[in-house]
């Protein structure tokens, strides 16, 4: 009953390590490895993601433009009205 949550069971052949939160560094290698890794992942996926997004945007704007044109009245239809 006096065991901590992490010591509830003993599992053989499993070694666990822990470190105090006060000993950890919050952002290790953030500028030297983190930002270049983000740039590498962005450039690797931009050519997979951007073309469908551009295509969907163009389709959306074309559809809205066609809808707005369809709502307008054609003045030639009303030339002979009295």
PDB file of N, CA and C in Angstrom:
ATOM      1  N   UNK A   1       0.806  -1.203   0.000  1.00  0.00           N
ATOM      2  CA  UNK A   1       0.000   0.000   0.000  1.00  0.00           C
ATOM      3  C   UNK A   1       0.845   1.262   0.000  1.00  0.00           C
ATOM      4  N   UNK A   2       2.077   1.165   0.398  1.00  0.00           N
ATOM      5  CA  UNK A   2       2.899   2.339   0.484  1.00  0.00           C
ATOM      6  C   UNK A   2       3.714   2.607  -0.774  1.00  0.00           C
ATOM      7  N   UNK A   3       3.393   1.932  -1.876  1.00  0.00           N
ATOM      8  CA  UNK A   3       4.190   2.103  -3.088  1.00  0.00           C
ATOM      9  C   UNK A   3       3.692   3.300  -3.901  1.00  0.00           C
ATOM     10  N   UNK A   4       4.620   3.876  -4.634  1.00  0.00           N
ATOM     11  CA  UNK A   4       4.257   4.962  -5.539  1.00  0.00           C
ATOM     12  C   UNK A   4       3.578   4.390  -6.774  1.00  0.00           C
ATOM     13  N   UNK A   5       2.981   5.264  -7.573  1.00  0.00           N
ATOM     14  CA  UNK A   5       2.245   4.794  -8.741  1.00  0.00           C
ATOM     15  C   UNK A   5       3.148   4.074  -9.735  1.00  0.00           C
ATOM     16  N   UNK A   6       4.372   4.529  -9.921  1.00  0.00           N
ATOM     17  CA  UNK A   6       5.274   3.899 -10.870  1.00  0.00           C
ATOM     18  C   UNK A   6       5.833   2.574 -10.391  1.00  0.00           C
ATOM     19  N   UNK A   7       5.707   2.253  -9.100  1.00  0.00           N
ATOM     20  CA  UNK A   7       6.265   1.025  -8.539  1.00  0.00           C
ATOM     21  C   UNK A   7       5.192   0.015  -8.166  1.00  0.00           C
ATOM     22  N   UNK A   8       4.062   0.017  -8.864  1.00  0.00           N
ATOM     23  CA  UNK A   8       2.971  -0.881  -8.493  1.00  0.00           C
ATOM     24  C   UNK A   8       3.266  -2.327  -8.870  1.00  0.00           C
ATOM     25  N   UNK A   9       4.002  -2.554  -9.938  1.00  0.00           N
ATOM     26  CA  UNK A   9       4.276  -3.925 -10.358  1.00  0.00           C
ATOM     27  C   UNK A   9       5.751  -4.056 -10.702  1.00  0.00           C
ATOM     28  N   UNK A  10       6.299  -5.224 -10.447  1.00  0.00           N
ATOM     29  CA  UNK A  10       7.665  -5.530 -10.825  1.00  0.00           C
ATOM     30  C   UNK A  10       7.630  -6.388 -12.081  1.00  0.00           C
ATOM     31  N   UNK A  11       8.262  -5.909 -13.139  1.00  0.00           N
ATOM     32  CA  UNK A  11       8.318  -6.647 -14.388  1.00  0.00           C
ATOM     33  C   UNK A  11       9.765  -7.029 -14.621  1.00  0.00           C
ATOM     34  N   UNK A  12       9.984  -8.308 -14.862  1.00  0.00           N
ATOM     35  CA  UNK A  12      11.354  -8.781 -15.048  1.00  0.00           C
ATOM     36  C   UNK A  12      11.861  -8.409 -16.424  1.00  0.00           C
ATOM     37  N   UNK A  13      13.140  -8.134 -16.520  1.00  0.00           N
ATOM     38  CA  UNK A  13      13.852  -7.828 -17.763  1.00  0.00           C
ATOM     39  C   UNK A  13      13.416  -6.503 -18.388  1.00  0.00           C
ATOM     40  N   UNK A  14      12.803  -5.650 -17.637  1.00  0.00           N
ATOM     41  CA  UNK A  14      12.439  -4.325 -18.123  1.00  0.00           C
ATOM     42  C   UNK A  14      13.120  -3.312 -17.222  1.00  0.00           C
ATOM     43  N   UNK A  15      13.927  -2.454 -17.808  1.00  0.00           N
ATOM     44  CA  UNK A  15      14.648  -1.448 -17.050  1.00  0.00           C
ATOM     45  C   UNK A  15      14.024  -0.099 -17.357  1.00  0.00           C
ATOM     46  N   UNK A  16      13.643   0.634 -16.349  1.00  0.00           N
ATOM     47  CA  UNK A  16      13.061   1.962 -16.537  1.00  0.00           C
ATOM     48  C   UNK A  16      13.972   2.987 -15.899  1.00  0.00           C
ATOM     49  N   UNK A  17      14.033   4.130 -16.539  1.00  0.00           N
ATOM     50  CA  UNK A  17      14.821   5.235 -16.039  1.00  0.00           C
ATOM     51  C   UNK A  17      13.909   6.449 -15.922  1.00  0.00           C
ATOM     52  N   UNK A  18      14.230   7.302 -15.003  1.00  0.00           N
ATOM     53  CA  UNK A  18      13.483   8.554 -14.887  1.00  0.00           C
ATOM     54  C   UNK A  18      14.458   9.665 -14.526  1.00  0.00           C
ATOM     55  N   UNK A  19      14.072  10.861 -14.882  1.00  0.00           N
ATOM     56  CA  UNK A  19      14.887  12.025 -14.584  1.00  0.00           C
ATOM     57  C   UNK A  19      13.959  13.092 -14.017  1.00  0.00           C
ATOM     58  N   UNK A  20      14.463  13.837 -13.122  1.00  0.00           N
ATOM     59  CA  UNK A  20      13.669  14.886 -12.504  1.00  0.00           C
ATOM     60  C   UNK A  20      13.344  15.968 -13.527  1.00  0.00           C
ATOM     61  N   UNK A  21      12.141  16.550 -13.471  1.00  0.00           N
ATOM     62  CA  UNK A  21      11.821  17.649 -14.387  1.00  0.00           C
ATOM     63  C   UNK A  21      12.754  18.838 -14.222  1.00  0.00           C
ATOM     64  N   UNK A  22      13.365  18.965 -13.065  1.00  0.00           N
ATOM     65  CA  UNK A  22      14.270  20.076 -12.819  1.00  0.00           C
ATOM     66  C   UNK A  22      15.631  19.856 -13.483  1.00  0.00           C
ATOM     67  N   UNK A  23      15.936  18.625 -13.850  1.00  0.00           N
ATOM     68  CA  UNK A  23      17.197  18.316 -14.510  1.00  0.00           C
ATOM     69  C   UNK A  23      17.071  18.336 -16.029  1.00  0.00           C
ATOM     70  N   UNK A  24      15.857  18.383 -16.540  1.00  0.00           N
ATOM     71  CA  UNK A  24      15.655  18.366 -17.984  1.00  0.00           C
ATOM     72  C   UNK A  24      15.805  19.770 -18.552  1.00  0.00           C
ATOM     73  N   UNK A  25      16.199  19.817 -19.812  1.00  0.00           N
ATOM     74  CA  UNK A  25      16.252  21.095 -20.513  1.00  0.00           C
ATOM     75  C   UNK A  25      14.959  21.244 -21.299  1.00  0.00           C
ATOM     76  N   UNK A  26      14.373  22.417 -21.265  1.00  0.00           N
ATOM     77  CA  UNK A  26      13.076  22.617 -21.896  1.00  0.00           C
ATOM     78  C   UNK A  26      13.155  22.542 -23.410  1.00  0.00           C
ATOM     79  N   UNK A  27      14.120  23.189 -24.023  1.00  0.00           N
ATOM     80  CA  UNK A  27      14.263  23.208 -25.473  1.00  0.00           C
ATOM     81  C   UNK A  27      15.683  22.842 -25.874  1.00  0.00           C
ATOM     82  N   UNK A  28      16.064  21.570 -25.730  1.00  0.00           N
ATOM     83  CA  UNK A  28      17.423  21.215 -26.144  1.00  0.00           C
ATOM     84  C   UNK A  28      17.526  21.175 -27.661  1.00  0.00           C
ATOM     85  N   UNK A  29      18.572  21.767 -28.191  1.00  0.00           N
ATOM     86  CA  UNK A  29      18.861  21.772 -29.632  1.00  0.00           C
ATOM     87  C   UNK A  29      17.718  22.363 -30.449  1.00  0.00           C
ATOM     88  N   UNK A  30      17.019  23.324 -29.898  1.00  0.00           N
ATOM     89  CA  UNK A  30      15.852  23.892 -30.580  1.00  0.00           C
ATOM     90  C   UNK A  30      16.261  24.602 -31.864  1.00  0.00           C
ATOM     91  N   UNK A  31      17.260  25.455 -31.793  1.00  0.00           N
ATOM     92  CA  UNK A  31      17.656  26.230 -32.963  1.00  0.00           C
ATOM     93  C   UNK A  31      18.566  25.436 -33.898  1.00  0.00           C
ATOM     94  N   UNK A  32      19.404  24.563 -33.363  1.00  0.00           N
ATOM     95  CA  UNK A  32      20.355  23.856 -34.213  1.00  0.00           C
ATOM     96  C   UNK A  32      19.724  22.668 -34.936  1.00  0.00           C
ATOM     97  N   UNK A  33      18.741  21.996 -34.335  1.00  0.00           N
ATOM     98  CA  UNK A  33      18.134  20.829 -34.971  1.00  0.00           C
ATOM     99  C   UNK A  33      16.645  21.005 -35.232  1.00  0.00           C
ATOM    100  N   UNK A  34      15.958  21.750 -34.397  1.00  0.00           N
ATOM    101  CA  UNK A  34      14.509  21.857 -34.500  1.00  0.00           C
ATOM    102  C   UNK A  34      14.042  22.624 -35.723  1.00  0.00           C
ATOM    103  N   UNK A  35      14.558  23.812 -35.917  1.00  0.00           N
ATOM    104  CA  UNK A  35      14.122  24.646 -37.047  1.00  0.00           C
ATOM    105  C   UNK A  35      14.538  24.032 -38.383  1.00  0.00           C
ATOM    106  N   UNK A  36      15.760  23.530 -38.556  1.00  0.00           N
ATOM    107  CA  UNK A  36      16.074  22.856 -39.824  1.00  0.00           C
ATOM    108  C   UNK A  36      15.203  21.621 -40.076  1.00  0.00           C
ATOM    109  N   UNK A  37      14.827  20.906 -39.026  1.00  0.00           N
ATOM    110  CA  UNK A  37      13.967  19.743 -39.194  1.00  0.00           C
ATOM    111  C   UNK A  37      12.570  20.169 -39.645  1.00  0.00           C
ATOM    112  N   UNK A  38      12.055  21.255 -39.101  1.00  0.00           N
ATOM    113  CA  UNK A  38      10.753  21.768 -39.533  1.00  0.00           C
ATOM    114  C   UNK A  38      10.823  22.187 -40.996  1.00  0.00           C
ATOM    115  N   UNK A  39      11.885  22.847 -41.385  1.00  0.00           N
ATOM    116  CA  UNK A  39      12.036  23.272 -42.778  1.00  0.00           C
ATOM    117  C   UNK A  39      12.130  22.064 -43.712  1.00  0.00           C
ATOM    118  N   UNK A  40      12.871  21.046 -43.321  1.00  0.00           N
ATOM    119  CA  UNK A  40      12.995  19.843 -44.140  1.00  0.00           C
ATOM    120  C   UNK A  40      11.651  19.150 -44.298  1.00  0.00           C
ATOM    121  N   UNK A  41      10.895  19.031 -43.225  1.00  0.00           N
ATOM    122  CA  UNK A  41       9.586  18.373 -43.297  1.00  0.00           C
ATOM    123  C   UNK A  41       8.602  19.196 -44.105  1.00  0.00           C
ATOM    124  N   UNK A  42       8.687  20.518 -44.009  1.00  0.00           N
ATOM    125  CA  UNK A  42       7.796  21.388 -44.780  1.00  0.00           C
ATOM    126  C   UNK A  42       8.067  21.263 -46.269  1.00  0.00           C
ATOM    127  N   UNK A  43       9.345  21.330 -46.668  1.00  0.00           N
ATOM    128  CA  UNK A  43       9.671  21.245 -48.088  1.00  0.00           C
ATOM    129  C   UNK A  43       9.390  19.854 -48.649  1.00  0.00           C
ATOM    130  N   UNK A  44       9.445  18.821 -47.811  1.00  0.00           N
ATOM    131  CA  UNK A  44       9.155  17.469 -48.283  1.00  0.00           C
ATOM    132  C   UNK A  44       7.667  17.272 -48.541  1.00  0.00           C
ATOM    133  N   UNK A  45       6.811  17.981 -47.811  1.00  0.00           N
ATOM    134  CA  UNK A  45       5.381  17.737 -47.953  1.00  0.00           C
ATOM    135  C   UNK A  45       4.640  18.837 -48.699  1.00  0.00           C
ATOM    136  N   UNK A  46       5.277  19.957 -48.984  1.00  0.00           N
ATOM    137  CA  UNK A  46       4.553  21.061 -49.609  1.00  0.00           C
ATOM    138  C   UNK A  46       4.100  20.701 -51.022  1.00  0.00           C
ATOM    139  N   UNK A  47       4.866  19.906 -51.743  1.00  0.00           N
ATOM    140  CA  UNK A  47       4.481  19.543 -53.102  1.00  0.00           C
ATOM    141  C   UNK A  47       3.414  18.453 -53.132  1.00  0.00           C
ATOM    142  N   UNK A  48       3.173  17.817 -52.008  1.00  0.00           N
ATOM    143  CA  UNK A  48       2.085  16.847 -51.913  1.00  0.00           C
ATOM    144  C   UNK A  48       0.786  17.522 -51.477  1.00  0.00           C
ATOM    145  N   UNK A  49       0.889  18.569 -50.689  1.00  0.00           N
ATOM    146  CA  UNK A  49      -0.289  19.191 -50.096  1.00  0.00           C
ATOM    147  C   UNK A  49      -0.766  20.399 -50.894  1.00  0.00           C
ATOM    148  N   UNK A  50       0.140  21.197 -51.392  1.00  0.00           N
ATOM    149  CA  UNK A  50      -0.235  22.460 -52.033  1.00  0.00           C
ATOM    150  C   UNK A  50      -1.026  22.288 -53.332  1.00  0.00           C
ATOM    151  N   UNK A  51      -0.661  21.402 -54.269  1.00  0.00           N
ATOM    152  CA  UNK A  51      -1.439  21.311 -55.505  1.00  0.00           C
ATOM    153  C   UNK A  51      -2.912  20.964 -55.302  1.00  0.00           C
ATOM    154  N   UNK A  52      -3.272  19.992 -54.458  1.00  0.00           N
ATOM    155  CA  UNK A  52      -4.706  19.763 -54.242  1.00  0.00           C
ATOM    156  C   UNK A  52      -5.407  20.955 -53.592  1.00  0.00           C
ATOM    157  N   UNK A  53      -4.700  21.651 -52.700  1.00  0.00           N
ATOM    158  CA  UNK A  53      -5.316  22.817 -52.064  1.00  0.00           C
ATOM    159  C   UNK A  53      -5.544  23.927 -53.081  1.00  0.00           C
ATOM    160  N   UNK A  54      -4.587  24.160 -53.972  1.00  0.00           N
ATOM    161  CA  UNK A  54      -4.751  25.183 -55.006  1.00  0.00           C
ATOM    162  C   UNK A  54      -5.884  24.788 -55.940  1.00  0.00           C
ATOM    163  N   UNK A  55      -5.950  23.519 -56.326  1.00  0.00           N
ATOM    164  CA  UNK A  55      -7.019  23.042 -57.192  1.00  0.00           C
ATOM    165  C   UNK A  55      -8.391  23.217 -56.532  1.00  0.00           C
ATOM    166  N   UNK A  56      -8.503  22.884 -55.261  1.00  0.00           N
ATOM    167  CA  UNK A  56      -9.770  23.057 -54.544  1.00  0.00           C
ATOM    168  C   UNK A  56     -10.136  24.533 -54.432  1.00  0.00           C
ATOM    169  N   UNK A  57      -9.161  25.397 -54.199  1.00  0.00           N
ATOM    170  CA  UNK A  57      -9.441  26.829 -54.116  1.00  0.00           C
ATOM    171  C   UNK A  57      -9.934  27.366 -55.451  1.00  0.00           C
ATOM    172  N   UNK A  58      -9.285  26.970 -56.541  1.00  0.00           N
ATOM    173  CA  UNK A  58      -9.709  27.433 -57.864  1.00  0.00           C
ATOM    174  C   UNK A  58     -11.110  26.917 -58.204  1.00  0.00           C
ATOM    175  N   UNK A  59     -11.391  25.672 -57.845  1.00  0.00           N
ATOM    176  CA  UNK A  59     -12.733  25.121 -58.078  1.00  0.00           C
ATOM    177  C   UNK A  59     -13.773  25.870 -57.261  1.00  0.00           C
ATOM    178  N   UNK A  60     -13.448  26.180 -56.033  1.00  0.00           N
ATOM    179  CA  UNK A  60     -14.373  26.901 -55.153  1.00  0.00           C
ATOM    180  C   UNK A  60     -14.659  28.304 -55.689  1.00  0.00           C
ATOM    181  N   UNK A  61     -13.620  29.026 -56.090  1.00  0.00           N
ATOM    182  CA  UNK A  61     -13.837  30.386 -56.601  1.00  0.00           C
ATOM    183  C   UNK A  61     -14.576  30.356 -57.930  1.00  0.00           C
ATOM    184  N   UNK A  62     -14.276  29.372 -58.791  1.00  0.00           N
ATOM    185  CA  UNK A  62     -15.006  29.252 -60.056  1.00  0.00           C
ATOM    186  C   UNK A  62     -16.481  28.957 -59.794  1.00  0.00           C
ATOM    187  N   UNK A  63     -16.772  28.071 -58.850  1.00  0.00           N
ATOM    188  CA  UNK A  63     -18.157  27.732 -58.526  1.00  0.00           C
ATOM    189  C   UNK A  63     -18.918  28.919 -57.982  1.00  0.00           C
ATOM    190  N   UNK A  64     -18.309  29.697 -57.120  1.00  0.00           N
ATOM    191  CA  UNK A  64     -18.975  30.894 -56.589  1.00  0.00           C
ATOM    192  C   UNK A  64     -19.212  31.917 -57.693  1.00  0.00           C
ATOM    193  N   UNK A  65     -18.247  32.073 -58.585  1.00  0.00           N
ATOM    194  CA  UNK A  65     -18.404  33.028 -59.690  1.00  0.00           C
ATOM    195  C   UNK A  65     -19.531  32.579 -60.633  1.00  0.00           C
ATOM    196  N   UNK A  66     -19.585  31.291 -60.949  1.00  0.00           N
ATOM    197  CA  UNK A  66     -20.640  30.779 -61.822  1.00  0.00           C
ATOM    198  C   UNK A  66     -22.007  30.905 -61.150  1.00  0.00           C
ATOM    199  N   UNK A  67     -22.069  30.706 -59.857  1.00  0.00           N
ATOM    200  CA  UNK A  67     -23.335  30.838 -59.127  1.00  0.00           C
ATOM    201  C   UNK A  67     -23.822  32.283 -59.138  1.00  0.00           C
ATOM    202  N   UNK A  68     -22.909  33.214 -58.898  1.00  0.00           N
ATOM    203  CA  UNK A  68     -23.288  34.632 -58.912  1.00  0.00           C
ATOM    204  C   UNK A  68     -23.726  35.068 -60.306  1.00  0.00           C
ATOM    205  N   UNK A  69     -23.076  34.580 -61.347  1.00  0.00           N
ATOM    206  CA  UNK A  69     -23.499  34.905 -62.708  1.00  0.00           C
ATOM    207  C   UNK A  69     -24.865  34.314 -63.016  1.00  0.00           C
ATOM    208  N   UNK A  70     -25.159  33.153 -62.514  1.00  0.00           N
ATOM    209  CA  UNK A  70     -26.448  32.511 -62.752  1.00  0.00           C
ATOM    210  C   UNK A  70     -27.600  33.218 -62.067  1.00  0.00           C
ATOM    211  N   UNK A  71     -27.328  33.957 -61.023  1.00  0.00           N
ATOM    212  CA  UNK A  71     -28.382  34.690 -60.315  1.00  0.00           C
ATOM    213  C   UNK A  71     -28.774  35.975 -61.035  1.00  0.00           C
ATOM    214  N   UNK A  72     -27.928  36.480 -61.924  1.00  0.00           N
ATOM    215  CA  UNK A  72     -28.207  37.739 -62.612  1.00  0.00           C
ATOM    216  C   UNK A  72     -29.250  37.546 -63.701  1.00  0.00           C
ATOM    217  N   UNK A  73     -29.988  38.613 -63.961  1.00  0.00           N
ATOM    218  CA  UNK A  73     -30.953  38.591 -65.052  1.00  0.00           C
ATOM    219  C   UNK A  73     -30.249  38.980 -66.345  1.00  0.00           C
ATOM    220  N   UNK A  74     -30.696  38.408 -67.442  1.00  0.00           N
ATOM    221  CA  UNK A  74     -30.161  38.731 -68.758  1.00  0.00           C
ATOM    222  C   UNK A  74     -31.003  39.873 -69.335  1.00  0.00           C
ATOM    223  N   UNK A  75     -30.452  41.060 -69.578  1.00  0.00           N
ATOM    224  CA  UNK A  75     -31.253  42.169 -70.095  1.00  0.00           C
ATOM    225  C   UNK A  75     -31.840  41.888 -71.466  1.00  0.00           C
ATOM    226  N   UNK A  76     -31.238  41.023 -72.264  1.00  0.00           N
ATOM    227  CA  UNK A  76     -31.769  40.718 -73.588  1.00  0.00           C
ATOM    228  C   UNK A  76     -33.118  39.994 -73.498  1.00  0.00           C
ATOM    229  N   UNK A  77     -33.388  39.311 -72.400  1.00  0.00           N
ATOM    230  CA  UNK A  77     -34.656  38.608 -72.253  1.00  0.00           C
ATOM    231  C   UNK A  77     -35.828  39.574 -72.047  1.00  0.00           C
ATOM    232  N   UNK A  78     -35.573  40.821 -71.657  1.00  0.00           N
ATOM    233  CA  UNK A  78     -36.621  41.755 -71.302  1.00  0.00           C
ATOM    234  C   UNK A  78     -36.695  42.942 -72.258  1.00  0.00           C
ATOM    235  N   UNK A  79     -36.106  42.858 -73.448  1.00  0.00           N
ATOM    236  CA  UNK A  79     -36.116  43.975 -74.386  1.00  0.00           C
ATOM    237  C   UNK A  79     -37.505  44.271 -74.934  1.00  0.00           C
ATOM    238  N   UNK A  80     -38.323  43.262 -75.171  1.00  0.00           N
ATOM    239  CA  UNK A  80     -39.617  43.443 -75.805  1.00  0.00           C
ATOM    240  C   UNK A  80     -40.758  43.592 -74.791  1.00  0.00           C
ATOM    241  N   UNK A  81     -40.462  43.676 -73.523  1.00  0.00           N
ATOM    242  CA  UNK A  81     -41.512  43.852 -72.517  1.00  0.00           C
ATOM    243  C   UNK A  81     -42.095  45.236 -72.592  1.00  0.00           C
ATOM    244  N   UNK A  82     -43.385  45.353 -72.324  1.00  0.00           N
ATOM    245  CA  UNK A  82     -44.067  46.653 -72.364  1.00  0.00           C
ATOM    246  C   UNK A  82     -44.276  47.195 -70.974  1.00  0.00           C
TER     247      UNK A  82
END
